[in-house]
N, C-alpha and C. Protein backbone atom coordinates (compact mmCIF):
# COMPACT_ATOMS: atom_id res chain seq x y z
N MET A 1 -134.48 -21.71 70.94
CA MET A 1 -133.69 -22.98 70.86
C MET A 1 -133.93 -23.49 69.43
N ASN A 2 -132.72 -23.75 68.77
CA ASN A 2 -132.80 -24.30 67.49
C ASN A 2 -131.92 -25.64 67.58
N PRO A 3 -132.74 -26.75 67.12
CA PRO A 3 -132.06 -27.94 67.08
C PRO A 3 -130.93 -28.12 66.06
N ILE A 4 -129.73 -28.64 66.24
CA ILE A 4 -128.82 -28.91 65.30
C ILE A 4 -128.56 -30.37 65.05
N GLU A 5 -128.85 -30.75 63.79
CA GLU A 5 -128.82 -32.28 63.50
C GLU A 5 -127.33 -32.58 63.61
N LEU A 6 -127.10 -33.91 63.95
CA LEU A 6 -125.74 -34.53 64.24
C LEU A 6 -125.40 -35.22 63.04
N ASN A 7 -124.04 -35.45 62.80
CA ASN A 7 -123.56 -36.32 61.80
C ASN A 7 -124.02 -37.65 61.95
N GLN A 8 -124.58 -38.25 60.88
CA GLN A 8 -125.16 -39.58 60.95
C GLN A 8 -124.17 -40.65 61.13
N GLY A 9 -122.87 -40.35 60.95
CA GLY A 9 -121.63 -41.21 61.10
C GLY A 9 -121.35 -41.59 62.52
N ASN A 10 -121.84 -40.71 63.44
CA ASN A 10 -121.38 -40.75 64.77
C ASN A 10 -122.40 -41.53 65.58
N LEU A 11 -121.95 -42.76 65.80
CA LEU A 11 -122.79 -43.87 66.47
C LEU A 11 -123.44 -43.35 67.82
N TYR A 12 -122.59 -42.63 68.50
CA TYR A 12 -123.01 -42.24 69.80
C TYR A 12 -124.33 -41.40 69.72
N THR A 13 -124.46 -40.55 68.69
CA THR A 13 -125.47 -39.63 68.62
C THR A 13 -126.47 -40.03 67.44
N TYR A 14 -126.48 -41.30 67.11
CA TYR A 14 -127.35 -41.69 65.96
C TYR A 14 -128.78 -41.43 66.08
N LYS A 15 -129.29 -41.21 67.31
CA LYS A 15 -130.59 -40.73 67.50
C LYS A 15 -130.78 -39.62 68.43
N GLY A 16 -130.01 -38.57 67.90
CA GLY A 16 -129.74 -37.45 68.95
C GLY A 16 -129.75 -36.19 68.22
N ARG A 17 -129.66 -34.99 68.96
CA ARG A 17 -129.60 -33.81 68.35
C ARG A 17 -128.97 -32.85 69.41
N ILE A 18 -128.51 -31.66 68.97
CA ILE A 18 -127.93 -30.72 69.91
C ILE A 18 -128.73 -29.53 69.90
N VAL A 19 -129.18 -29.20 71.18
CA VAL A 19 -129.90 -27.90 71.36
C VAL A 19 -128.97 -26.89 71.71
N ASP A 20 -129.10 -25.73 70.91
CA ASP A 20 -128.26 -24.61 70.99
C ASP A 20 -129.22 -23.49 71.90
N PHE A 21 -128.83 -23.16 73.20
CA PHE A 21 -129.61 -22.30 74.06
C PHE A 21 -129.39 -20.84 73.55
N GLY A 22 -128.48 -20.58 72.56
CA GLY A 22 -128.29 -19.09 72.08
C GLY A 22 -127.36 -18.34 73.00
N ASN A 23 -127.09 -18.91 74.21
CA ASN A 23 -126.09 -18.10 75.08
C ASN A 23 -124.74 -18.81 75.16
N GLY A 24 -124.37 -19.53 74.17
CA GLY A 24 -123.07 -20.27 74.17
C GLY A 24 -123.29 -21.63 74.88
N GLU A 25 -124.34 -22.00 75.42
CA GLU A 25 -124.55 -23.27 75.96
C GLU A 25 -125.33 -24.23 74.93
N PHE A 26 -124.78 -25.52 75.05
CA PHE A 26 -125.39 -26.61 74.16
C PHE A 26 -125.78 -27.75 75.00
N HIS A 27 -126.73 -28.37 74.50
CA HIS A 27 -127.08 -29.72 75.28
C HIS A 27 -127.40 -30.79 74.24
N LEU A 28 -126.74 -32.09 74.63
CA LEU A 28 -127.05 -33.25 73.65
C LEU A 28 -128.31 -33.94 74.16
N LEU A 29 -129.31 -34.13 73.27
CA LEU A 29 -130.34 -34.89 73.59
C LEU A 29 -130.30 -36.03 72.74
N ARG A 30 -130.23 -37.26 73.26
CA ARG A 30 -130.25 -38.49 72.51
C ARG A 30 -131.12 -39.63 73.20
N GLU A 31 -131.49 -40.60 72.37
CA GLU A 31 -132.23 -41.72 72.81
C GLU A 31 -131.16 -42.76 73.23
N PRO A 32 -131.17 -43.25 74.35
CA PRO A 32 -130.29 -44.34 74.77
C PRO A 32 -130.58 -45.55 73.90
N LEU A 33 -129.54 -46.41 73.67
CA LEU A 33 -129.66 -47.61 72.94
C LEU A 33 -130.35 -48.60 73.73
N THR A 34 -131.27 -49.24 73.18
CA THR A 34 -132.00 -50.23 73.90
C THR A 34 -131.59 -51.63 73.34
N TRP A 35 -131.54 -52.58 74.13
CA TRP A 35 -130.92 -53.95 73.68
C TRP A 35 -131.57 -55.02 74.47
N LEU A 36 -131.88 -56.14 73.64
CA LEU A 36 -132.51 -57.24 74.11
C LEU A 36 -131.36 -58.20 74.21
N PRO A 37 -130.83 -58.72 75.34
CA PRO A 37 -129.80 -59.56 75.43
C PRO A 37 -129.98 -60.89 74.57
N ASN A 38 -128.91 -61.32 74.10
CA ASN A 38 -129.08 -62.63 73.23
C ASN A 38 -127.76 -63.53 73.55
N ASN A 39 -127.68 -64.66 72.88
CA ASN A 39 -126.52 -65.54 73.18
C ASN A 39 -125.24 -65.22 72.46
N GLU A 40 -125.32 -64.12 71.73
CA GLU A 40 -124.02 -63.56 71.21
C GLU A 40 -123.41 -62.56 71.94
N ASP A 41 -124.05 -62.12 73.15
CA ASP A 41 -123.51 -61.19 74.04
C ASP A 41 -122.73 -61.85 75.05
N SER A 42 -121.98 -61.03 75.80
CA SER A 42 -121.13 -61.68 76.93
C SER A 42 -121.34 -60.78 78.25
N PHE A 43 -120.66 -61.17 79.30
CA PHE A 43 -120.73 -60.41 80.54
C PHE A 43 -119.42 -60.09 80.96
N HIS A 44 -119.27 -59.15 81.83
CA HIS A 44 -117.98 -58.63 82.39
C HIS A 44 -118.32 -58.23 83.88
N THR A 45 -117.45 -58.87 84.84
CA THR A 45 -117.52 -58.47 86.25
C THR A 45 -116.63 -57.29 86.47
N VAL A 46 -117.17 -56.25 86.85
CA VAL A 46 -116.46 -54.84 87.06
C VAL A 46 -115.45 -55.03 88.28
N LYS A 47 -114.30 -54.61 87.89
CA LYS A 47 -113.20 -54.51 89.00
C LYS A 47 -112.88 -53.24 89.44
N SER A 48 -112.41 -53.12 90.68
CA SER A 48 -112.08 -51.70 91.23
C SER A 48 -111.19 -50.87 90.37
N GLY A 49 -111.64 -49.80 90.10
CA GLY A 49 -110.69 -48.84 89.30
C GLY A 49 -110.97 -48.82 87.78
N GLU A 50 -111.94 -49.84 87.43
CA GLU A 50 -111.99 -49.79 85.92
C GLU A 50 -113.04 -48.86 85.51
N MET A 51 -112.74 -48.29 84.24
CA MET A 51 -113.72 -47.43 83.62
C MET A 51 -114.29 -47.97 82.38
N LEU A 52 -115.45 -47.44 81.86
CA LEU A 52 -115.99 -48.04 80.78
C LEU A 52 -115.25 -47.99 79.46
N ASP A 53 -114.56 -46.87 79.25
CA ASP A 53 -113.65 -46.92 78.00
C ASP A 53 -112.62 -47.94 78.00
N PHE A 54 -112.09 -48.41 79.16
CA PHE A 54 -111.15 -49.47 79.20
C PHE A 54 -111.85 -50.83 79.05
N ILE A 55 -113.05 -50.94 79.62
CA ILE A 55 -113.75 -52.16 79.37
C ILE A 55 -114.22 -52.38 77.92
N ALA A 56 -114.69 -51.41 77.31
CA ALA A 56 -115.15 -51.40 75.85
C ALA A 56 -113.90 -51.62 75.03
N HIS A 57 -112.75 -50.99 75.32
CA HIS A 57 -111.56 -51.38 74.60
C HIS A 57 -111.22 -52.88 74.63
N ASP A 58 -111.13 -53.39 75.86
CA ASP A 58 -110.83 -54.78 76.04
C ASP A 58 -111.82 -55.66 75.40
N GLN A 59 -112.98 -55.43 75.44
CA GLN A 59 -114.16 -56.21 74.89
C GLN A 59 -114.21 -56.30 73.38
N TYR A 60 -113.85 -54.89 72.83
CA TYR A 60 -114.35 -54.80 71.38
C TYR A 60 -113.07 -54.56 70.48
N LYS A 61 -111.82 -54.58 70.98
CA LYS A 61 -110.68 -54.29 70.29
C LYS A 61 -110.55 -55.15 69.02
N GLN A 62 -110.84 -56.32 69.16
CA GLN A 62 -110.70 -57.35 68.01
C GLN A 62 -111.80 -57.04 66.91
N TYR A 63 -112.89 -56.36 67.22
CA TYR A 63 -113.91 -56.15 66.24
C TYR A 63 -113.94 -54.87 65.55
N THR A 64 -113.39 -53.83 66.12
CA THR A 64 -113.60 -52.40 65.61
C THR A 64 -112.29 -51.60 66.02
N ASP A 65 -112.19 -50.64 65.12
CA ASP A 65 -111.17 -49.53 65.47
C ASP A 65 -111.80 -48.58 66.47
N ASN A 66 -110.96 -48.00 67.28
CA ASN A 66 -111.45 -47.08 68.30
C ASN A 66 -112.36 -47.76 69.18
N ALA A 67 -112.11 -48.95 69.76
CA ALA A 67 -112.95 -49.83 70.50
C ALA A 67 -113.46 -48.98 71.82
N GLN A 68 -112.43 -48.28 72.39
CA GLN A 68 -112.82 -47.56 73.61
C GLN A 68 -113.89 -46.55 73.46
N SER A 69 -114.27 -45.98 72.18
CA SER A 69 -115.19 -45.09 71.87
C SER A 69 -116.66 -45.68 72.06
N TYR A 70 -116.64 -47.01 72.30
CA TYR A 70 -117.96 -47.65 72.35
C TYR A 70 -118.41 -47.77 73.80
N TRP A 71 -117.88 -47.12 74.72
CA TRP A 71 -118.18 -47.10 76.18
C TRP A 71 -119.62 -46.94 76.40
N TRP A 72 -120.30 -46.00 75.53
CA TRP A 72 -121.63 -45.65 75.74
C TRP A 72 -122.52 -46.75 75.45
N VAL A 73 -122.18 -47.76 74.63
CA VAL A 73 -122.99 -48.96 74.31
C VAL A 73 -123.24 -49.66 75.61
N ILE A 74 -122.12 -49.85 76.35
CA ILE A 74 -122.27 -50.64 77.68
C ILE A 74 -123.04 -49.84 78.67
N ALA A 75 -122.80 -48.55 78.65
CA ALA A 75 -123.44 -47.68 79.63
C ALA A 75 -124.99 -47.75 79.35
N ASP A 76 -125.35 -47.55 78.08
CA ASP A 76 -126.77 -47.56 77.85
C ASP A 76 -127.54 -48.80 78.19
N VAL A 77 -127.01 -49.94 77.82
CA VAL A 77 -127.73 -51.20 78.03
C VAL A 77 -127.65 -51.61 79.36
N ASN A 78 -126.75 -51.09 80.14
CA ASN A 78 -126.74 -51.49 81.59
C ASN A 78 -127.31 -50.40 82.45
N LEU A 79 -127.78 -49.40 81.90
CA LEU A 79 -128.46 -48.17 82.57
C LEU A 79 -127.57 -47.57 83.55
N ILE A 80 -126.31 -47.33 83.11
CA ILE A 80 -125.31 -46.83 83.95
C ILE A 80 -125.44 -45.32 83.80
N ALA A 81 -126.01 -44.71 84.90
CA ALA A 81 -126.23 -43.24 85.03
C ALA A 81 -125.09 -42.43 84.96
N ASN A 82 -124.00 -42.71 85.57
CA ASN A 82 -122.76 -41.95 85.74
C ASN A 82 -121.54 -42.84 85.29
N PRO A 83 -121.20 -42.87 84.03
CA PRO A 83 -120.17 -43.65 83.58
C PRO A 83 -118.76 -43.26 84.07
N LEU A 84 -118.81 -42.26 84.72
CA LEU A 84 -117.31 -41.70 85.33
C LEU A 84 -117.10 -42.32 86.65
N ASP A 85 -118.24 -42.95 87.35
CA ASP A 85 -118.15 -43.56 88.63
C ASP A 85 -118.68 -44.94 88.64
N MET A 86 -117.80 -45.88 88.53
CA MET A 86 -118.12 -47.26 88.55
C MET A 86 -118.06 -47.89 89.81
N SER A 87 -117.78 -47.18 90.82
CA SER A 87 -117.55 -47.78 92.18
C SER A 87 -118.59 -48.62 92.70
N ALA A 88 -120.01 -48.16 92.36
CA ALA A 88 -121.17 -48.94 92.73
C ALA A 88 -121.32 -50.21 92.10
N LEU A 89 -120.63 -50.44 91.02
CA LEU A 89 -120.75 -51.57 90.05
C LEU A 89 -119.46 -52.65 90.37
N VAL A 90 -118.61 -52.27 91.22
CA VAL A 90 -117.57 -53.30 91.46
C VAL A 90 -118.10 -54.66 92.00
N GLY A 91 -117.69 -55.64 91.30
CA GLY A 91 -118.25 -56.98 91.71
C GLY A 91 -119.47 -57.27 90.85
N VAL A 92 -120.11 -56.40 90.11
CA VAL A 92 -121.33 -56.68 89.42
C VAL A 92 -120.93 -57.16 88.04
N SER A 93 -121.72 -58.06 87.52
CA SER A 93 -121.54 -58.50 86.11
C SER A 93 -122.42 -57.83 85.32
N ILE A 94 -121.76 -56.98 84.24
CA ILE A 94 -122.63 -56.22 83.45
C ILE A 94 -122.61 -56.84 81.96
N LEU A 95 -123.66 -56.48 81.27
CA LEU A 95 -123.80 -57.03 79.87
C LEU A 95 -122.91 -56.42 78.94
N ILE A 96 -122.34 -57.10 78.08
CA ILE A 96 -121.50 -56.56 77.12
C ILE A 96 -122.13 -56.96 75.67
N PRO A 97 -122.92 -56.05 75.08
CA PRO A 97 -123.49 -56.38 73.82
C PRO A 97 -122.50 -56.82 72.65
N ASN A 98 -122.88 -57.65 71.71
CA ASN A 98 -122.05 -57.98 70.76
C ASN A 98 -121.97 -56.79 69.82
N ILE A 99 -120.67 -56.23 69.65
CA ILE A 99 -120.77 -54.80 68.91
C ILE A 99 -121.08 -54.99 67.48
N LEU A 100 -120.83 -56.04 66.81
CA LEU A 100 -121.23 -56.14 65.36
C LEU A 100 -122.61 -56.22 65.28
N ASN A 101 -123.37 -56.68 66.14
CA ASN A 101 -124.90 -56.63 66.18
C ASN A 101 -125.41 -55.21 66.55
N VAL A 102 -124.68 -54.52 67.33
CA VAL A 102 -124.91 -53.25 67.66
C VAL A 102 -124.85 -52.37 66.53
N LYS A 103 -123.70 -52.42 65.78
CA LYS A 103 -123.57 -51.55 64.59
C LYS A 103 -124.65 -51.85 63.54
N LEU A 104 -125.05 -53.11 63.35
CA LEU A 104 -126.10 -53.52 62.41
C LEU A 104 -127.42 -52.91 62.92
N LYS A 105 -127.78 -52.98 64.16
CA LYS A 105 -128.94 -52.31 64.68
C LYS A 105 -129.02 -50.91 64.31
N ILE A 106 -127.92 -50.21 64.62
CA ILE A 106 -127.80 -48.79 64.43
C ILE A 106 -128.01 -48.50 62.91
N ARG A 107 -127.36 -49.18 62.09
CA ARG A 107 -127.40 -48.89 60.61
C ARG A 107 -128.92 -49.05 60.01
N GLN A 108 -129.62 -49.97 60.64
CA GLN A 108 -130.94 -50.29 60.28
C GLN A 108 -131.99 -49.22 60.86
N GLY A 109 -131.49 -48.46 61.77
CA GLY A 109 -132.19 -47.42 62.42
C GLY A 109 -133.17 -47.90 63.43
């Protein structure tokens, strides 16, 4: 197995690498974003049928381009194991980290 370093500009994989198994299979290994909530963060109550990319777009669109691509930030800080199935979180208030502070943390390493 040979690790392949990822593009540093990709925030999702900022602490990650791809493992090439040599048989055409690859696996992404990454450290989830850790976050200490602060007064600049907000919360969102999950509604039936919502997906993380829609929540991210709604929460971050005024701050960044491609806001929906920051779904993983919300997933990481809320320990959401399966971001494709939000049904267990309907009615639950989830943390929405301030995206500008997230970007700053990532840039600082």
